[in-house]
Amino acid sequence: MTVIIDYPIKNEYRFELNSTNGFSRELLIKEISKAYYKMYEEEEATATKKTIPPEKRIGMYNRNETNGKYNIWGHDIADLVLSDIQIYDSVNGMLILALIIES
């Protein structure tokens, strides 16, 4: 299956998950969480405009937009909540999972 992450980022992130035995809800959520943490780490490593630490933010509560690999904007990872997963069949028989993330 292909998992699509498109929030809170400008450059969509896709990753593949494979299993011969399927995925429990717990395992699927753990894999999605790992992908988000990896994405935020890659963003910080590739950005020249770094994240302003929460304690140094003046006049804003949300995370500033950074200019790394994914262009993350608006929310720190701790702000995010997975509320739903929409599952689609692709033409090639693979499943596509679209995440509904709220903050």
N, C-alpha and C. Protein backbone atom coordinates (compact mmCIF):
# COMPACT_ATOMS: atom_id res chain seq x y z
N MET A 1 0.83 -1.17 0.00
CA MET A 1 0.00 0.00 0.00
C MET A 1 0.88 1.24 0.00
N THR A 2 0.31 2.32 -0.49
CA THR A 2 0.97 3.62 -0.48
C THR A 2 0.24 4.51 0.51
N VAL A 3 1.00 5.15 1.39
CA VAL A 3 0.42 6.08 2.36
C VAL A 3 0.82 7.49 1.93
N ILE A 4 -0.17 8.38 1.89
CA ILE A 4 0.07 9.76 1.46
C ILE A 4 -0.06 10.69 2.66
N ILE A 5 1.00 11.48 2.88
CA ILE A 5 0.97 12.53 3.90
C ILE A 5 0.97 13.86 3.15
N ASP A 6 -0.04 14.68 3.43
CA ASP A 6 -0.09 15.99 2.76
C ASP A 6 -0.44 17.13 3.72
N TYR A 7 -0.37 16.87 5.02
CA TYR A 7 -0.66 17.91 6.01
C TYR A 7 0.25 17.73 7.20
N PRO A 8 0.82 18.78 7.71
CA PRO A 8 0.86 20.17 7.30
C PRO A 8 2.11 20.48 6.46
N ILE A 9 2.11 20.03 5.26
CA ILE A 9 3.27 20.21 4.38
C ILE A 9 2.83 20.72 3.02
N LYS A 10 3.76 21.35 2.32
CA LYS A 10 3.48 21.81 0.96
C LYS A 10 3.90 20.77 -0.07
N ASN A 11 4.93 19.98 0.24
CA ASN A 11 5.43 18.96 -0.68
C ASN A 11 5.01 17.59 -0.16
N GLU A 12 4.05 16.99 -0.84
CA GLU A 12 3.48 15.71 -0.43
C GLU A 12 4.56 14.65 -0.19
N TYR A 13 4.32 13.82 0.81
CA TYR A 13 5.23 12.73 1.17
C TYR A 13 4.46 11.42 1.03
N ARG A 14 5.02 10.48 0.28
CA ARG A 14 4.43 9.16 0.11
C ARG A 14 5.43 8.10 0.58
N PHE A 15 4.90 7.06 1.18
CA PHE A 15 5.76 5.94 1.53
C PHE A 15 4.98 4.65 1.35
N GLU A 16 5.71 3.58 1.15
CA GLU A 16 5.13 2.25 0.90
C GLU A 16 5.17 1.41 2.17
N LEU A 17 4.11 0.64 2.36
CA LEU A 17 4.05 -0.36 3.43
C LEU A 17 3.68 -1.69 2.80
N ASN A 18 4.40 -2.72 3.18
CA ASN A 18 4.14 -4.05 2.64
C ASN A 18 4.05 -5.06 3.78
N SER A 19 3.15 -6.00 3.64
CA SER A 19 3.03 -7.08 4.61
C SER A 19 2.29 -8.24 3.97
N THR A 20 2.76 -9.44 4.21
CA THR A 20 2.06 -10.62 3.72
C THR A 20 0.90 -10.99 4.65
N ASN A 21 0.96 -10.50 5.91
CA ASN A 21 -0.07 -10.83 6.90
C ASN A 21 -1.04 -9.68 7.18
N GLY A 22 -0.92 -8.57 6.47
CA GLY A 22 -1.79 -7.43 6.71
C GLY A 22 -1.29 -6.58 7.85
N PHE A 23 -2.08 -5.58 8.22
CA PHE A 23 -1.70 -4.65 9.28
C PHE A 23 -2.84 -4.53 10.28
N SER A 24 -2.51 -4.64 11.55
CA SER A 24 -3.48 -4.32 12.60
C SER A 24 -3.58 -2.80 12.67
N ARG A 25 -4.61 -2.29 13.30
CA ARG A 25 -4.73 -0.84 13.47
C ARG A 25 -3.53 -0.29 14.21
N GLU A 26 -3.12 -1.00 15.26
CA GLU A 26 -1.99 -0.56 16.07
C GLU A 26 -0.72 -0.46 15.23
N LEU A 27 -0.43 -1.49 14.46
CA LEU A 27 0.78 -1.49 13.64
C LEU A 27 0.72 -0.39 12.58
N LEU A 28 -0.42 -0.21 11.96
CA LEU A 28 -0.58 0.82 10.95
C LEU A 28 -0.34 2.21 11.55
N ILE A 29 -0.91 2.47 12.71
CA ILE A 29 -0.73 3.77 13.36
C ILE A 29 0.73 3.97 13.76
N LYS A 30 1.39 2.92 14.23
CA LYS A 30 2.81 3.04 14.57
C LYS A 30 3.65 3.38 13.35
N GLU A 31 3.36 2.76 12.21
CA GLU A 31 4.11 3.03 10.98
C GLU A 31 3.87 4.47 10.48
N ILE A 32 2.65 4.94 10.59
CA ILE A 32 2.33 6.31 10.20
C ILE A 32 3.05 7.29 11.13
N SER A 33 3.04 7.01 12.42
CA SER A 33 3.73 7.86 13.39
C SER A 33 5.23 7.93 13.09
N LYS A 34 5.84 6.77 12.82
CA LYS A 34 7.28 6.74 12.49
C LYS A 34 7.56 7.59 11.25
N ALA A 35 6.67 7.51 10.26
CA ALA A 35 6.86 8.29 9.03
C ALA A 35 6.79 9.78 9.31
N TYR A 36 5.85 10.19 10.15
CA TYR A 36 5.74 11.61 10.50
C TYR A 36 6.99 12.09 11.23
N TYR A 37 7.46 11.32 12.20
CA TYR A 37 8.68 11.72 12.92
C TYR A 37 9.87 11.81 11.98
N LYS A 38 9.98 10.85 11.07
CA LYS A 38 11.07 10.88 10.08
C LYS A 38 10.96 12.12 9.20
N MET A 39 9.74 12.43 8.77
CA MET A 39 9.52 13.59 7.91
C MET A 39 9.93 14.88 8.62
N TYR A 40 9.53 15.04 9.88
CA TYR A 40 9.89 16.24 10.64
C TYR A 40 11.41 16.32 10.85
N GLU A 41 12.06 15.19 11.09
CA GLU A 41 13.53 15.18 11.24
C GLU A 41 14.22 15.57 9.94
N GLU A 42 13.75 15.02 8.81
CA GLU A 42 14.33 15.36 7.51
C GLU A 42 14.11 16.83 7.19
N GLU A 43 12.96 17.35 7.55
CA GLU A 43 12.67 18.77 7.32
C GLU A 43 13.68 19.63 8.06
N GLU A 44 13.90 19.34 9.32
CA GLU A 44 14.83 20.14 10.12
C GLU A 44 16.26 20.02 9.57
N ALA A 45 16.63 18.83 9.12
CA ALA A 45 17.98 18.61 8.60
C ALA A 45 18.20 19.31 7.26
N THR A 46 17.15 19.49 6.46
CA THR A 46 17.32 20.06 5.12
C THR A 46 16.92 21.53 5.03
N ALA A 47 16.34 22.08 6.08
CA ALA A 47 15.87 23.47 6.05
C ALA A 47 16.98 24.44 6.40
N THR A 48 17.00 25.55 5.69
CA THR A 48 17.90 26.65 6.08
C THR A 48 17.14 27.64 6.96
N LYS A 49 15.82 27.68 6.82
CA LYS A 49 14.95 28.47 7.69
C LYS A 49 14.45 27.51 8.77
N LYS A 50 15.07 27.56 9.93
CA LYS A 50 14.81 26.57 10.99
C LYS A 50 13.54 26.88 11.78
N THR A 51 13.06 25.87 12.47
CA THR A 51 11.89 26.00 13.33
C THR A 51 12.22 26.87 14.54
N ILE A 52 11.37 27.84 14.80
CA ILE A 52 11.54 28.66 15.99
C ILE A 52 11.03 27.84 17.18
N PRO A 53 11.87 27.66 18.21
CA PRO A 53 11.43 26.89 19.38
C PRO A 53 10.19 27.53 20.02
N PRO A 54 9.27 26.72 20.54
CA PRO A 54 8.02 27.26 21.12
C PRO A 54 8.24 28.38 22.14
N GLU A 55 9.26 28.24 22.97
CA GLU A 55 9.49 29.25 24.01
C GLU A 55 10.01 30.58 23.46
N LYS A 56 10.44 30.59 22.19
CA LYS A 56 10.96 31.82 21.57
C LYS A 56 9.98 32.42 20.56
N ARG A 57 8.82 31.85 20.42
CA ARG A 57 7.83 32.37 19.48
C ARG A 57 7.14 33.59 20.08
N ILE A 58 7.15 34.64 19.30
CA ILE A 58 6.52 35.89 19.74
C ILE A 58 5.33 36.18 18.83
N GLY A 59 4.18 36.33 19.42
CA GLY A 59 3.00 36.68 18.66
C GLY A 59 2.40 35.54 17.84
N MET A 60 2.92 34.34 18.00
CA MET A 60 2.34 33.21 17.28
C MET A 60 2.43 31.96 18.14
N TYR A 61 1.42 31.13 18.01
CA TYR A 61 1.39 29.88 18.77
C TYR A 61 1.90 28.74 17.90
N ASN A 62 1.54 28.79 16.63
CA ASN A 62 1.89 27.70 15.71
C ASN A 62 3.34 27.76 15.28
N ARG A 63 3.78 26.69 14.71
CA ARG A 63 5.13 26.55 14.17
C ARG A 63 5.26 27.42 12.92
N ASN A 64 6.41 28.03 12.77
CA ASN A 64 6.68 28.79 11.55
C ASN A 64 6.92 27.84 10.37
N GLU A 65 6.72 28.34 9.17
CA GLU A 65 6.99 27.53 7.98
C GLU A 65 8.50 27.43 7.77
N THR A 66 8.95 26.22 7.47
CA THR A 66 10.36 26.01 7.17
C THR A 66 10.50 25.67 5.69
N ASN A 67 11.73 25.72 5.19
CA ASN A 67 11.95 25.55 3.75
C ASN A 67 12.76 24.30 3.43
N GLY A 68 12.55 23.26 4.19
CA GLY A 68 13.26 22.01 3.95
C GLY A 68 12.59 21.16 2.88
N LYS A 69 12.87 19.90 2.92
CA LYS A 69 12.40 18.94 1.91
C LYS A 69 10.88 18.93 1.74
N TYR A 70 10.13 19.17 2.80
CA TYR A 70 8.67 19.06 2.75
C TYR A 70 7.93 20.39 2.93
N ASN A 71 8.64 21.45 3.30
CA ASN A 71 8.03 22.75 3.57
C ASN A 71 6.90 22.62 4.60
N ILE A 72 7.26 22.18 5.78
CA ILE A 72 6.28 22.03 6.86
C ILE A 72 5.85 23.41 7.34
N TRP A 73 4.57 23.57 7.58
CA TRP A 73 4.03 24.85 8.04
C TRP A 73 3.00 24.60 9.15
N GLY A 74 2.83 25.55 10.00
CA GLY A 74 1.67 25.64 10.87
C GLY A 74 1.62 24.83 12.14
N HIS A 75 2.21 23.65 12.19
CA HIS A 75 2.01 22.83 13.39
C HIS A 75 3.24 22.00 13.74
N ASP A 76 3.52 21.98 15.04
CA ASP A 76 4.54 21.07 15.56
C ASP A 76 3.96 19.67 15.53
N ILE A 77 4.81 18.68 15.56
CA ILE A 77 4.34 17.30 15.48
C ILE A 77 3.42 16.94 16.65
N ALA A 78 3.66 17.53 17.81
CA ALA A 78 2.82 17.23 18.98
C ALA A 78 1.39 17.77 18.83
N ASP A 79 1.17 18.67 17.87
CA ASP A 79 -0.17 19.23 17.64
C ASP A 79 -1.06 18.33 16.80
N LEU A 80 -0.50 17.33 16.14
CA LEU A 80 -1.22 16.57 15.13
C LEU A 80 -1.98 15.38 15.71
N VAL A 81 -3.16 15.12 15.13
CA VAL A 81 -4.01 14.00 15.54
C VAL A 81 -4.50 13.29 14.29
N LEU A 82 -4.30 11.99 14.23
CA LEU A 82 -4.83 11.18 13.13
C LEU A 82 -6.30 10.89 13.44
N SER A 83 -7.21 11.45 12.64
CA SER A 83 -8.63 11.26 12.94
C SER A 83 -9.31 10.25 12.02
N ASP A 84 -8.71 9.99 10.85
CA ASP A 84 -9.34 9.05 9.92
C ASP A 84 -8.31 8.64 8.87
N ILE A 85 -8.57 7.50 8.26
CA ILE A 85 -7.78 7.03 7.13
C ILE A 85 -8.76 6.64 6.03
N GLN A 86 -8.62 7.26 4.87
CA GLN A 86 -9.47 6.92 3.73
C GLN A 86 -8.68 5.96 2.84
N ILE A 87 -9.31 4.86 2.45
CA ILE A 87 -8.64 3.81 1.69
C ILE A 87 -9.22 3.75 0.28
N TYR A 88 -8.33 3.77 -0.70
CA TYR A 88 -8.73 3.72 -2.10
C TYR A 88 -8.00 2.60 -2.81
N ASP A 89 -8.63 2.01 -3.80
CA ASP A 89 -7.98 1.03 -4.68
C ASP A 89 -7.39 1.79 -5.86
N SER A 90 -6.15 1.50 -6.20
CA SER A 90 -5.54 2.12 -7.38
C SER A 90 -5.73 1.20 -8.58
N VAL A 91 -5.46 1.71 -9.75
CA VAL A 91 -5.62 0.92 -10.98
C VAL A 91 -4.72 -0.30 -11.01
N ASN A 92 -3.55 -0.21 -10.37
CA ASN A 92 -2.62 -1.34 -10.39
C ASN A 92 -2.86 -2.33 -9.25
N GLY A 93 -3.97 -2.16 -8.51
CA GLY A 93 -4.29 -3.12 -7.46
C GLY A 93 -3.73 -2.78 -6.10
N MET A 94 -2.93 -1.74 -6.01
CA MET A 94 -2.38 -1.32 -4.72
C MET A 94 -3.42 -0.49 -3.97
N LEU A 95 -3.36 -0.53 -2.65
CA LEU A 95 -4.19 0.33 -1.84
C LEU A 95 -3.50 1.66 -1.65
N ILE A 96 -4.28 2.74 -1.62
CA ILE A 96 -3.77 4.07 -1.33
C ILE A 96 -4.47 4.54 -0.06
N LEU A 97 -3.69 4.94 0.92
CA LEU A 97 -4.24 5.43 2.18
C LEU A 97 -4.04 6.93 2.26
N ALA A 98 -5.13 7.67 2.34
CA ALA A 98 -5.09 9.12 2.51
C ALA A 98 -5.41 9.41 3.96
N LEU A 99 -4.50 10.11 4.63
CA LEU A 99 -4.64 10.38 6.05
C LEU A 99 -5.42 11.66 6.28
N ILE A 100 -6.32 11.64 7.24
CA ILE A 100 -7.02 12.84 7.68
C ILE A 100 -6.40 13.23 9.02
N ILE A 101 -5.60 14.30 8.97
CA ILE A 101 -4.87 14.77 10.13
C ILE A 101 -5.48 16.09 10.59
N GLU A 102 -5.71 16.19 11.87
CA GLU A 102 -6.23 17.44 12.45
C GLU A 102 -5.23 17.98 13.46
N SER A 103 -5.45 19.22 13.81
CA SER A 103 -4.55 19.85 14.79
C SER A 103 -5.35 20.64 15.80
